[in-house]
Amino acid sequence: MIADGGGRRMGRAAWTAAALMVAAGALAGCSEAEPASATLPTTSAQAAPTSEALPPIGPADFPMPPEAREKTPHGAVAFTRYYVQLIEYVGDSNLDPQPIIALSVDCEVCERIASSFTEDRAAGYSYDDVWVRMTPYDDEAFARDQGFDVGFVYEQGTLIVRDASGQVVEDEGAAATGPLQSGALVTWREDLSSWVVTSLTIG
């Protein structure tokens, strides 16, 4: 699993998405961060209904935790952590990437990540274990006009891609990234009682 503040080894297939996110960094990273808002909307402090009253979201054996469904700045950070872990989980389990799409709205990088899983599996690619670290800057997100901004540092080790025969595919791999200033913009969906990602930036 992805580590929050500490490195950990990860499963093979997950980081087709991570490689894509790094490649997409030039695209997603073009928009510079705006100054954080000094105040939070009054609605941001409202908690979502209790988890017992909510239908589950996410894969049956990797559901979104209750803290990630709180309509609070802390909940926005917990959701972003879950979303990044969900990407890793979908890759490791070879599940349909639909949950990645379902928890995003008009997020180009999110859509490219989901597409990469589908395309790479069809090509017979697999991935060696990759070292990854995801460290949020703060326990609470910052309010924006469009939602809440969750900043974090992303690090990824060397990505080795293999074809169906087990041979390394040099052109598909990625070097270690080092620390990358990253972030996500999330907004609350009342119909889901959940946050969704509207923008994802790695690097």
N, C-alpha and C. Protein backbone atom coordinates (compact mmCIF):
# COMPACT_ATOMS: atom_id res chain seq x y z
N MET A 1 0.84 -1.20 0.00
CA MET A 1 0.00 0.00 0.00
C MET A 1 0.87 1.25 0.00
N ILE A 2 0.29 2.36 -0.35
CA ILE A 2 1.01 3.63 -0.35
C ILE A 2 1.27 4.05 1.08
N ALA A 3 2.44 4.60 1.33
CA ALA A 3 2.78 5.01 2.68
C ALA A 3 2.48 6.48 2.87
N ASP A 4 1.94 6.84 4.03
CA ASP A 4 1.71 8.23 4.39
C ASP A 4 2.84 8.66 5.31
N GLY A 5 3.87 9.27 4.72
CA GLY A 5 4.99 9.73 5.50
C GLY A 5 6.11 8.71 5.63
N GLY A 6 5.93 7.51 5.09
CA GLY A 6 6.99 6.52 5.16
C GLY A 6 6.98 5.64 3.94
N GLY A 7 8.15 5.28 3.44
CA GLY A 7 8.22 4.50 2.22
C GLY A 7 7.80 3.06 2.44
N ARG A 8 7.28 2.44 1.39
CA ARG A 8 6.90 1.03 1.46
C ARG A 8 6.96 0.44 0.06
N ARG A 9 7.23 -0.85 -0.02
CA ARG A 9 7.25 -1.52 -1.31
C ARG A 9 5.83 -1.80 -1.76
N MET A 10 5.60 -1.75 -3.07
CA MET A 10 4.26 -1.90 -3.59
C MET A 10 4.19 -3.02 -4.60
N GLY A 11 2.97 -3.45 -4.90
CA GLY A 11 2.74 -4.55 -5.83
C GLY A 11 3.03 -4.19 -7.27
N ARG A 12 3.01 -5.21 -8.12
CA ARG A 12 3.52 -5.07 -9.49
C ARG A 12 2.71 -4.12 -10.35
N ALA A 13 1.43 -4.41 -10.51
CA ALA A 13 0.68 -3.75 -11.57
C ALA A 13 0.29 -2.33 -11.26
N ALA A 14 0.36 -1.94 -9.99
CA ALA A 14 -0.23 -0.67 -9.59
C ALA A 14 0.37 0.52 -10.31
N TRP A 15 1.68 0.51 -10.54
CA TRP A 15 2.29 1.77 -10.90
C TRP A 15 2.42 2.01 -12.39
N THR A 16 1.61 1.30 -13.19
CA THR A 16 1.33 1.81 -14.53
C THR A 16 0.70 3.19 -14.40
N ALA A 17 -0.16 3.36 -13.40
CA ALA A 17 -0.80 4.65 -13.17
C ALA A 17 0.19 5.68 -12.69
N ALA A 18 1.08 5.28 -11.78
CA ALA A 18 2.06 6.23 -11.29
C ALA A 18 2.96 6.72 -12.40
N ALA A 19 3.36 5.80 -13.29
CA ALA A 19 4.20 6.20 -14.41
C ALA A 19 3.47 7.20 -15.29
N LEU A 20 2.19 6.97 -15.49
CA LEU A 20 1.40 7.90 -16.30
C LEU A 20 1.31 9.25 -15.62
N MET A 21 1.12 9.24 -14.30
CA MET A 21 1.00 10.52 -13.60
C MET A 21 2.28 11.32 -13.71
N VAL A 22 3.42 10.64 -13.62
CA VAL A 22 4.68 11.35 -13.76
C VAL A 22 4.80 11.92 -15.17
N ALA A 23 4.43 11.12 -16.17
CA ALA A 23 4.49 11.59 -17.55
C ALA A 23 3.53 12.74 -17.77
N ALA A 24 2.42 12.73 -17.04
CA ALA A 24 1.42 13.79 -17.19
C ALA A 24 1.76 15.02 -16.37
N GLY A 25 2.85 14.96 -15.60
CA GLY A 25 3.19 16.07 -14.74
C GLY A 25 3.37 17.37 -15.49
N ALA A 26 3.98 17.30 -16.69
CA ALA A 26 4.17 18.52 -17.46
C ALA A 26 2.84 19.14 -17.85
N LEU A 27 1.85 18.29 -18.11
CA LEU A 27 0.53 18.79 -18.46
C LEU A 27 -0.19 19.32 -17.24
N ALA A 28 -0.26 18.48 -16.19
CA ALA A 28 -1.03 18.87 -15.01
C ALA A 28 -0.33 19.95 -14.22
N GLY A 29 1.00 19.99 -14.26
CA GLY A 29 1.74 20.93 -13.46
C GLY A 29 1.83 22.32 -14.05
N CYS A 30 1.20 22.55 -15.17
CA CYS A 30 1.27 23.87 -15.78
C CYS A 30 0.53 24.92 -14.98
N SER A 31 -0.50 24.51 -14.25
CA SER A 31 -1.26 25.47 -13.47
C SER A 31 -0.59 25.63 -12.12
N GLU A 32 -0.19 26.85 -11.79
CA GLU A 32 0.49 27.10 -10.54
C GLU A 32 -0.51 27.18 -9.40
N ALA A 33 -0.05 26.82 -8.21
CA ALA A 33 -0.93 26.86 -7.05
C ALA A 33 -1.30 28.30 -6.72
N GLU A 34 -2.56 28.49 -6.29
CA GLU A 34 -3.03 29.80 -5.88
C GLU A 34 -2.83 29.94 -4.38
N PRO A 35 -2.78 31.19 -3.87
CA PRO A 35 -2.67 31.37 -2.43
C PRO A 35 -3.86 30.74 -1.72
N ALA A 36 -3.61 30.15 -0.57
CA ALA A 36 -4.68 29.49 0.17
C ALA A 36 -5.67 30.51 0.69
N SER A 37 -6.94 30.13 0.71
CA SER A 37 -7.98 31.00 1.25
C SER A 37 -7.83 31.09 2.75
N ALA A 38 -8.07 32.26 3.29
CA ALA A 38 -7.92 32.46 4.72
C ALA A 38 -9.13 31.97 5.49
N THR A 39 -10.26 31.80 4.82
CA THR A 39 -11.48 31.38 5.49
C THR A 39 -12.05 30.17 4.80
N LEU A 40 -12.84 29.41 5.54
CA LEU A 40 -13.49 28.23 5.00
C LEU A 40 -14.98 28.48 4.92
N PRO A 41 -15.66 27.98 3.88
CA PRO A 41 -17.11 28.11 3.82
C PRO A 41 -17.74 27.45 5.04
N THR A 42 -18.85 28.02 5.49
CA THR A 42 -19.49 27.49 6.68
C THR A 42 -19.94 26.06 6.48
N THR A 43 -20.27 25.68 5.25
CA THR A 43 -20.72 24.31 4.99
C THR A 43 -19.60 23.31 5.11
N SER A 44 -18.34 23.76 5.05
CA SER A 44 -17.22 22.83 5.06
C SER A 44 -17.06 22.13 6.39
N ALA A 45 -17.61 22.69 7.44
CA ALA A 45 -17.47 22.09 8.76
C ALA A 45 -18.55 21.06 9.04
N GLN A 46 -19.48 20.88 8.12
CA GLN A 46 -20.56 19.94 8.33
C GLN A 46 -20.08 18.53 8.03
N ALA A 47 -20.39 17.61 8.91
CA ALA A 47 -20.05 16.21 8.67
C ALA A 47 -21.11 15.56 7.83
N ALA A 48 -20.71 14.59 7.02
CA ALA A 48 -21.66 13.82 6.24
C ALA A 48 -22.46 12.93 7.19
N PRO A 49 -23.56 12.35 6.74
CA PRO A 49 -24.31 11.42 7.57
C PRO A 49 -23.39 10.30 8.07
N THR A 50 -23.78 9.69 9.18
CA THR A 50 -22.95 8.64 9.76
C THR A 50 -22.70 7.54 8.75
N SER A 51 -21.52 6.89 8.88
CA SER A 51 -21.14 5.88 7.91
C SER A 51 -22.14 4.73 7.88
N GLU A 52 -22.84 4.47 9.02
CA GLU A 52 -23.81 3.39 9.04
C GLU A 52 -24.98 3.67 8.11
N ALA A 53 -25.26 4.97 7.87
CA ALA A 53 -26.41 5.33 7.04
C ALA A 53 -26.04 5.47 5.58
N LEU A 54 -24.77 5.36 5.24
CA LEU A 54 -24.32 5.59 3.88
C LEU A 54 -24.07 4.28 3.14
N PRO A 55 -24.46 4.22 1.87
CA PRO A 55 -24.08 3.05 1.07
C PRO A 55 -22.58 3.06 0.85
N PRO A 56 -21.93 1.90 0.81
CA PRO A 56 -20.48 1.87 0.64
C PRO A 56 -20.05 2.39 -0.72
N ILE A 57 -18.85 2.95 -0.77
CA ILE A 57 -18.24 3.43 -2.01
C ILE A 57 -16.90 2.75 -2.16
N GLY A 58 -16.58 2.35 -3.39
CA GLY A 58 -15.31 1.69 -3.66
C GLY A 58 -15.47 0.19 -3.75
N PRO A 59 -14.39 -0.52 -4.09
CA PRO A 59 -14.43 -1.98 -4.17
C PRO A 59 -14.89 -2.59 -2.85
N ALA A 60 -15.56 -3.73 -2.92
CA ALA A 60 -16.12 -4.36 -1.72
C ALA A 60 -15.06 -4.63 -0.66
N ASP A 61 -13.86 -5.03 -1.08
CA ASP A 61 -12.80 -5.33 -0.12
C ASP A 61 -11.82 -4.18 0.06
N PHE A 62 -12.16 -3.00 -0.48
CA PHE A 62 -11.38 -1.80 -0.24
C PHE A 62 -12.31 -0.59 -0.24
N PRO A 63 -13.28 -0.55 0.68
CA PRO A 63 -14.25 0.54 0.70
C PRO A 63 -13.63 1.83 1.24
N MET A 64 -14.23 2.94 0.89
CA MET A 64 -13.78 4.22 1.41
C MET A 64 -14.01 4.27 2.92
N PRO A 65 -12.99 4.65 3.71
CA PRO A 65 -13.16 4.69 5.16
C PRO A 65 -14.06 5.85 5.59
N PRO A 66 -14.68 5.75 6.75
CA PRO A 66 -15.61 6.80 7.21
C PRO A 66 -14.98 8.19 7.24
N GLU A 67 -13.72 8.30 7.67
CA GLU A 67 -13.09 9.61 7.78
C GLU A 67 -12.95 10.30 6.43
N ALA A 68 -12.90 9.53 5.35
CA ALA A 68 -12.79 10.10 4.01
C ALA A 68 -14.13 10.59 3.48
N ARG A 69 -15.21 10.32 4.22
CA ARG A 69 -16.54 10.76 3.80
C ARG A 69 -17.07 11.88 4.68
N GLU A 70 -16.19 12.48 5.46
CA GLU A 70 -16.57 13.63 6.27
C GLU A 70 -16.49 14.90 5.43
N LYS A 71 -17.53 15.71 5.53
CA LYS A 71 -17.56 16.97 4.78
C LYS A 71 -16.84 18.05 5.57
N THR A 72 -15.54 17.83 5.72
CA THR A 72 -14.68 18.72 6.50
C THR A 72 -13.33 18.85 5.79
N PRO A 73 -12.53 19.86 6.12
CA PRO A 73 -11.19 19.96 5.54
C PRO A 73 -10.34 18.72 5.83
N HIS A 74 -10.49 18.15 7.01
CA HIS A 74 -9.77 16.91 7.33
C HIS A 74 -10.26 15.77 6.46
N GLY A 75 -11.57 15.70 6.24
CA GLY A 75 -12.13 14.65 5.40
C GLY A 75 -11.63 14.74 3.97
N ALA A 76 -11.40 15.97 3.47
CA ALA A 76 -10.90 16.14 2.11
C ALA A 76 -9.51 15.53 1.96
N VAL A 77 -8.67 15.68 3.00
CA VAL A 77 -7.33 15.09 2.96
C VAL A 77 -7.42 13.57 3.03
N ALA A 78 -8.29 13.07 3.92
CA ALA A 78 -8.45 11.62 4.05
C ALA A 78 -8.97 11.01 2.75
N PHE A 79 -9.86 11.72 2.07
CA PHE A 79 -10.36 11.23 0.79
C PHE A 79 -9.25 11.17 -0.25
N THR A 80 -8.44 12.22 -0.33
CA THR A 80 -7.35 12.24 -1.31
C THR A 80 -6.38 11.10 -1.06
N ARG A 81 -6.07 10.84 0.20
CA ARG A 81 -5.21 9.70 0.54
C ARG A 81 -5.84 8.39 0.05
N TYR A 82 -7.14 8.24 0.30
CA TYR A 82 -7.83 7.03 -0.15
C TYR A 82 -7.80 6.92 -1.67
N TYR A 83 -8.01 8.03 -2.36
CA TYR A 83 -8.07 7.99 -3.82
C TYR A 83 -6.74 7.53 -4.42
N VAL A 84 -5.64 8.04 -3.89
CA VAL A 84 -4.33 7.62 -4.40
C VAL A 84 -4.11 6.14 -4.08
N GLN A 85 -4.52 5.70 -2.89
CA GLN A 85 -4.41 4.29 -2.55
C GLN A 85 -5.33 3.43 -3.41
N LEU A 86 -6.48 3.98 -3.80
CA LEU A 86 -7.40 3.25 -4.66
C LEU A 86 -6.75 2.96 -6.02
N ILE A 87 -6.02 3.93 -6.55
CA ILE A 87 -5.32 3.72 -7.81
C ILE A 87 -4.37 2.53 -7.69
N GLU A 88 -3.62 2.50 -6.59
CA GLU A 88 -2.70 1.38 -6.36
C GLU A 88 -3.45 0.06 -6.21
N TYR A 89 -4.56 0.10 -5.49
CA TYR A 89 -5.34 -1.12 -5.24
C TYR A 89 -5.92 -1.68 -6.54
N VAL A 90 -6.49 -0.82 -7.36
CA VAL A 90 -7.06 -1.27 -8.63
C VAL A 90 -5.98 -1.92 -9.49
N GLY A 91 -4.80 -1.33 -9.53
CA GLY A 91 -3.72 -1.91 -10.31
C GLY A 91 -3.28 -3.26 -9.80
N ASP A 92 -3.15 -3.38 -8.48
CA ASP A 92 -2.69 -4.64 -7.90
C ASP A 92 -3.70 -5.76 -8.07
N SER A 93 -4.99 -5.41 -8.01
CA SER A 93 -6.02 -6.44 -8.02
C SER A 93 -6.56 -6.71 -9.42
N ASN A 94 -6.12 -5.93 -10.42
CA ASN A 94 -6.61 -6.08 -11.78
C ASN A 94 -8.11 -5.86 -11.91
N LEU A 95 -8.67 -5.05 -11.01
CA LEU A 95 -10.08 -4.70 -11.10
C LEU A 95 -10.31 -3.74 -12.26
N ASP A 96 -11.55 -3.67 -12.70
CA ASP A 96 -11.94 -2.65 -13.66
C ASP A 96 -11.65 -1.29 -13.04
N PRO A 97 -11.05 -0.36 -13.80
CA PRO A 97 -10.70 0.94 -13.23
C PRO A 97 -11.89 1.88 -13.04
N GLN A 98 -13.10 1.40 -13.18
CA GLN A 98 -14.28 2.24 -13.05
C GLN A 98 -14.33 3.04 -11.74
N PRO A 99 -13.92 2.47 -10.58
CA PRO A 99 -13.95 3.28 -9.36
C PRO A 99 -13.11 4.54 -9.44
N ILE A 100 -12.02 4.51 -10.19
CA ILE A 100 -11.18 5.70 -10.35
C ILE A 100 -11.96 6.80 -11.07
N ILE A 101 -12.73 6.41 -12.08
CA ILE A 101 -13.54 7.36 -12.82
C ILE A 101 -14.73 7.82 -11.99
N ALA A 102 -15.34 6.89 -11.26
CA ALA A 102 -16.55 7.20 -10.50
C ALA A 102 -16.30 8.25 -9.42
N LEU A 103 -15.07 8.32 -8.92
CA LEU A 103 -14.75 9.27 -7.86
C LEU A 103 -13.99 10.47 -8.40
N SER A 104 -14.17 10.78 -9.68
CA SER A 104 -13.58 11.97 -10.28
C SER A 104 -14.61 12.62 -11.21
N VAL A 105 -14.42 13.90 -11.45
CA VAL A 105 -15.30 14.65 -12.36
C VAL A 105 -14.42 15.56 -13.22
N ASP A 106 -14.45 15.33 -14.52
CA ASP A 106 -13.69 16.17 -15.46
C ASP A 106 -12.21 16.27 -15.08
N CYS A 107 -11.65 15.19 -14.57
CA CYS A 107 -10.23 15.15 -14.20
C CYS A 107 -9.47 14.42 -15.30
N GLU A 108 -8.76 15.17 -16.13
CA GLU A 108 -8.09 14.58 -17.29
C GLU A 108 -7.04 13.56 -16.88
N VAL A 109 -6.24 13.88 -15.86
CA VAL A 109 -5.20 12.96 -15.43
C VAL A 109 -5.82 11.68 -14.86
N CYS A 110 -6.91 11.82 -14.10
CA CYS A 110 -7.59 10.64 -13.55
C CYS A 110 -8.06 9.72 -14.68
N GLU A 111 -8.61 10.32 -15.73
CA GLU A 111 -9.09 9.53 -16.86
C GLU A 111 -7.94 8.84 -17.57
N ARG A 112 -6.80 9.52 -17.69
CA ARG A 112 -5.65 8.91 -18.34
C ARG A 112 -5.08 7.76 -17.52
N ILE A 113 -5.13 7.90 -16.20
CA ILE A 113 -4.68 6.81 -15.33
C ILE A 113 -5.54 5.58 -15.56
N ALA A 114 -6.86 5.76 -15.54
CA ALA A 114 -7.77 4.63 -15.74
C ALA A 114 -7.54 4.00 -17.11
N SER A 115 -7.37 4.83 -18.13
CA SER A 115 -7.14 4.30 -19.48
C SER A 115 -5.84 3.52 -19.55
N SER A 116 -4.83 3.97 -18.80
CA SER A 116 -3.53 3.29 -18.84
C SER A 116 -3.64 1.86 -18.30
N PHE A 117 -4.45 1.66 -17.27
CA PHE A 117 -4.64 0.30 -16.76
C PHE A 117 -5.22 -0.59 -17.84
N THR A 118 -6.25 -0.11 -18.49
CA THR A 118 -6.92 -0.90 -19.53
C THR A 118 -5.97 -1.21 -20.68
N GLU A 119 -5.26 -0.20 -21.16
CA GLU A 119 -4.38 -0.38 -22.31
C GLU A 119 -3.18 -1.27 -21.98
N ASP A 120 -2.58 -1.06 -20.82
CA ASP A 120 -1.39 -1.84 -20.48
C ASP A 120 -1.72 -3.30 -20.20
N ARG A 121 -2.87 -3.55 -19.59
CA ARG A 121 -3.27 -4.94 -19.38
C ARG A 121 -3.51 -5.64 -20.71
N ALA A 122 -4.14 -4.91 -21.63
CA ALA A 122 -4.39 -5.48 -22.96
C ALA A 122 -3.07 -5.80 -23.67
N ALA A 123 -2.03 -5.00 -23.39
CA ALA A 123 -0.72 -5.22 -24.01
C ALA A 123 0.08 -6.30 -23.30
N GLY A 124 -0.40 -6.80 -22.18
CA GLY A 124 0.30 -7.85 -21.46
C GLY A 124 1.43 -7.35 -20.58
N TYR A 125 1.45 -6.05 -20.25
CA TYR A 125 2.52 -5.51 -19.43
C TYR A 125 2.30 -5.83 -17.95
N SER A 126 3.41 -5.98 -17.25
CA SER A 126 3.40 -6.12 -15.80
C SER A 126 4.52 -5.24 -15.24
N TYR A 127 4.53 -5.05 -13.91
CA TYR A 127 5.43 -4.08 -13.30
C TYR A 127 6.11 -4.68 -12.08
N ASP A 128 7.40 -4.43 -11.97
CA ASP A 128 8.12 -4.82 -10.76
C ASP A 128 7.69 -3.91 -9.61
N ASP A 129 7.99 -4.35 -8.39
CA ASP A 129 7.63 -3.55 -7.23
C ASP A 129 8.27 -2.17 -7.32
N VAL A 130 7.52 -1.17 -6.86
CA VAL A 130 7.98 0.22 -6.90
C VAL A 130 7.85 0.83 -5.51
N TRP A 131 8.87 1.56 -5.13
CA TRP A 131 8.84 2.27 -3.85
C TRP A 131 8.11 3.59 -4.02
N VAL A 132 7.11 3.84 -3.16
CA VAL A 132 6.29 5.04 -3.27
C VAL A 132 6.06 5.66 -1.90
N ARG A 133 6.06 7.00 -1.87
CA ARG A 133 5.71 7.72 -0.65
C ARG A 133 4.75 8.86 -1.00
N MET A 134 3.68 9.01 -0.24
CA MET A 134 2.72 10.10 -0.42
C MET A 134 2.53 10.75 0.95
N THR A 135 2.98 12.01 1.09
CA THR A 135 2.95 12.70 2.37
C THR A 135 2.16 13.99 2.26
N PRO A 136 0.96 14.07 2.86
CA PRO A 136 0.19 15.31 2.82
C PRO A 136 0.94 16.44 3.52
N TYR A 137 0.79 17.66 3.01
CA TYR A 137 1.42 18.81 3.64
C TYR A 137 0.78 19.13 4.99
N ASP A 138 -0.52 18.88 5.10
CA ASP A 138 -1.27 19.29 6.28
C ASP A 138 -2.38 18.29 6.53
N ASP A 139 -2.91 18.31 7.75
CA ASP A 139 -4.04 17.44 8.08
C ASP A 139 -5.36 17.97 7.55
N GLU A 140 -5.37 19.24 7.13
CA GLU A 140 -6.59 19.85 6.62
C GLU A 140 -6.35 20.45 5.25
N ALA A 141 -7.39 20.43 4.42
CA ALA A 141 -7.31 21.02 3.08
C ALA A 141 -7.62 22.51 3.16
N PHE A 142 -7.23 23.24 2.12
CA PHE A 142 -7.49 24.67 2.03
C PHE A 142 -8.66 24.93 1.09
N ALA A 143 -9.53 25.85 1.48
CA ALA A 143 -10.71 26.16 0.68
C ALA A 143 -10.33 26.98 -0.54
N ARG A 144 -10.93 26.64 -1.67
CA ARG A 144 -10.81 27.39 -2.91
C ARG A 144 -12.22 27.71 -3.39
N ASP A 145 -12.31 28.57 -4.40
CA ASP A 145 -13.62 28.85 -4.98
C ASP A 145 -14.22 27.59 -5.60
N GLN A 146 -13.36 26.72 -6.16
CA GLN A 146 -13.83 25.54 -6.89
C GLN A 146 -13.91 24.29 -6.02
N GLY A 147 -13.48 24.37 -4.75
CA GLY A 147 -13.48 23.18 -3.91
C GLY A 147 -12.40 23.30 -2.84
N PHE A 148 -11.74 22.19 -2.55
CA PHE A 148 -10.69 22.17 -1.54
C PHE A 148 -9.39 21.66 -2.16
N ASP A 149 -8.29 22.33 -1.81
CA ASP A 149 -6.98 22.01 -2.34
C ASP A 149 -6.22 21.16 -1.33
N VAL A 150 -5.79 19.98 -1.75
CA VAL A 150 -5.03 19.07 -0.88
C VAL A 150 -3.62 18.94 -1.46
N GLY A 151 -2.65 19.48 -0.77
CA GLY A 151 -1.27 19.40 -1.23
C GLY A 151 -0.54 18.23 -0.59
N PHE A 152 0.37 17.62 -1.34
CA PHE A 152 1.16 16.52 -0.80
C PHE A 152 2.46 16.38 -1.58
N VAL A 153 3.41 15.70 -0.97
CA VAL A 153 4.68 15.37 -1.64
C VAL A 153 4.59 13.93 -2.13
N TYR A 154 4.91 13.74 -3.39
CA TYR A 154 4.86 12.41 -4.01
C TYR A 154 6.27 11.99 -4.40
N GLU A 155 6.63 10.78 -4.04
CA GLU A 155 7.91 10.21 -4.44
C GLU A 155 7.67 8.81 -4.99
N GLN A 156 8.41 8.46 -6.03
CA GLN A 156 8.29 7.14 -6.64
C GLN A 156 9.66 6.61 -7.01
N GLY A 157 9.90 5.36 -6.71
CA GLY A 157 11.15 4.72 -7.10
C GLY A 157 11.15 4.34 -8.57
N THR A 158 12.21 3.72 -9.01
CA THR A 158 12.33 3.30 -10.40
C THR A 158 11.21 2.34 -10.78
N LEU A 159 10.60 2.58 -11.93
CA LEU A 159 9.53 1.72 -12.43
C LEU A 159 10.08 0.84 -13.55
N ILE A 160 9.99 -0.47 -13.37
CA ILE A 160 10.44 -1.44 -14.38
C ILE A 160 9.23 -2.13 -14.97
N VAL A 161 9.09 -2.05 -16.29
CA VAL A 161 7.95 -2.63 -17.00
C VAL A 161 8.42 -3.87 -17.76
N ARG A 162 7.63 -4.93 -17.69
CA ARG A 162 7.95 -6.17 -18.39
C ARG A 162 6.81 -6.56 -19.32
N ASP A 163 7.17 -7.17 -20.44
CA ASP A 163 6.15 -7.65 -21.36
C ASP A 163 5.66 -9.03 -20.93
N ALA A 164 4.80 -9.62 -21.74
CA ALA A 164 4.19 -10.90 -21.38
C ALA A 164 5.22 -12.01 -21.21
N SER A 165 6.38 -11.88 -21.86
CA SER A 165 7.42 -12.90 -21.75
C SER A 165 8.35 -12.66 -20.56
N GLY A 166 8.16 -11.54 -19.87
CA GLY A 166 9.01 -11.22 -18.73
C GLY A 166 10.19 -10.34 -19.06
N GLN A 167 10.34 -9.96 -20.34
CA GLN A 167 11.44 -9.10 -20.74
C GLN A 167 11.15 -7.64 -20.38
N VAL A 168 12.20 -6.92 -19.98
CA VAL A 168 12.05 -5.51 -19.63
C VAL A 168 11.76 -4.69 -20.88
N VAL A 169 10.76 -3.81 -20.78
CA VAL A 169 10.40 -2.89 -21.87
C VAL A 169 10.98 -1.53 -21.50
N GLU A 170 12.16 -1.24 -22.04
CA GLU A 170 12.91 -0.05 -21.62
C GLU A 170 12.12 1.24 -21.83
N ASP A 171 11.45 1.36 -22.96
CA ASP A 171 10.78 2.61 -23.29
C ASP A 171 9.56 2.89 -22.42
N GLU A 172 9.08 1.88 -21.71
CA GLU A 172 7.88 2.07 -20.90
C GLU A 172 8.19 2.31 -19.42
N GLY A 173 9.43 2.19 -19.03
CA GLY A 173 9.79 2.37 -17.63
C GLY A 173 9.93 3.84 -17.25
N ALA A 174 10.26 4.07 -15.99
CA ALA A 174 10.43 5.44 -15.51
C ALA A 174 11.47 5.45 -14.41
N ALA A 175 12.30 6.49 -14.40
CA ALA A 175 13.31 6.65 -13.36
C ALA A 175 12.65 7.11 -12.07
N ALA A 176 13.37 6.98 -10.96
CA ALA A 176 12.87 7.49 -9.69
C ALA A 176 12.61 8.98 -9.80
N THR A 177 11.56 9.44 -9.15
CA THR A 177 11.15 10.83 -9.31
C THR A 177 11.82 11.78 -8.35
N GLY A 178 12.18 11.30 -7.14
CA GLY A 178 12.54 12.22 -6.08
C GLY A 178 11.27 12.91 -5.59
N PRO A 179 11.37 13.80 -4.60
CA PRO A 179 10.18 14.47 -4.07
C PRO A 179 9.55 15.39 -5.11
N LEU A 180 8.26 15.25 -5.30
CA LEU A 180 7.51 16.08 -6.24
C LEU A 180 6.39 16.81 -5.50
N GLN A 181 6.36 18.13 -5.63
CA GLN A 181 5.26 18.90 -5.06
C GLN A 181 4.00 18.61 -5.87
N SER A 182 2.99 18.09 -5.21
CA SER A 182 1.82 17.59 -5.91
C SER A 182 0.56 18.05 -5.20
N GLY A 183 -0.58 17.77 -5.81
CA GLY A 183 -1.82 18.17 -5.17
C GLY A 183 -3.04 17.71 -5.94
N ALA A 184 -4.17 17.83 -5.26
CA ALA A 184 -5.46 17.49 -5.86
C ALA A 184 -6.47 18.54 -5.46
N LEU A 185 -7.40 18.81 -6.36
CA LEU A 185 -8.54 19.66 -6.06
C LEU A 185 -9.75 18.75 -5.95
N VAL A 186 -10.44 18.83 -4.83
CA VAL A 186 -11.59 17.96 -4.60
C VAL A 186 -12.81 18.81 -4.29
N THR A 187 -13.97 18.28 -4.62
CA THR A 187 -15.22 18.97 -4.34
C THR A 187 -16.22 17.98 -3.79
N TRP A 188 -17.19 18.47 -3.04
CA TRP A 188 -18.16 17.60 -2.37
C TRP A 188 -19.35 17.32 -3.28
N ARG A 189 -19.74 16.04 -3.35
CA ARG A 189 -20.92 15.63 -4.11
C ARG A 189 -22.00 15.18 -3.13
N GLU A 190 -23.06 15.98 -3.03
CA GLU A 190 -24.14 15.65 -2.10
C GLU A 190 -24.82 14.34 -2.47
N ASP A 191 -24.95 14.06 -3.78
CA ASP A 191 -25.65 12.84 -4.18
C ASP A 191 -24.88 11.58 -3.82
N LEU A 192 -23.56 11.71 -3.69
CA LEU A 192 -22.73 10.57 -3.30
C LEU A 192 -22.38 10.56 -1.81
N SER A 193 -22.60 11.71 -1.15
CA SER A 193 -22.10 11.90 0.21
C SER A 193 -20.61 11.58 0.24
N SER A 194 -19.89 12.17 -0.72
CA SER A 194 -18.46 11.90 -0.86
C SER A 194 -17.79 13.04 -1.61
N TRP A 195 -16.49 13.15 -1.39
CA TRP A 195 -15.67 14.02 -2.21
C TRP A 195 -15.41 13.35 -3.56
N VAL A 196 -15.08 14.15 -4.56
CA VAL A 196 -14.62 13.65 -5.85
C VAL A 196 -13.45 14.52 -6.29
N VAL A 197 -12.55 13.94 -7.09
CA VAL A 197 -11.38 14.66 -7.59
C VAL A 197 -11.74 15.39 -8.88
N THR A 198 -11.44 16.67 -8.95
CA THR A 198 -11.65 17.43 -10.18
C THR A 198 -10.34 17.78 -10.88
N SER A 199 -9.22 17.68 -10.15
CA SER A 199 -7.91 17.95 -10.75
C SER A 199 -6.85 17.22 -9.94
N LEU A 200 -5.90 16.61 -10.64
CA LEU A 200 -4.80 15.90 -9.99
C LEU A 200 -3.50 16.32 -10.64
N THR A 201 -2.56 16.78 -9.82
CA THR A 201 -1.27 17.25 -10.31
C THR A 201 -0.15 16.50 -9.60
N ILE A 202 0.72 15.88 -10.38
CA ILE A 202 1.91 15.22 -9.83
C ILE A 202 3.13 15.92 -10.41
N GLY A 203 3.87 16.63 -9.56
CA GLY A 203 5.06 17.32 -10.01
C GLY A 203 4.76 18.68 -10.60
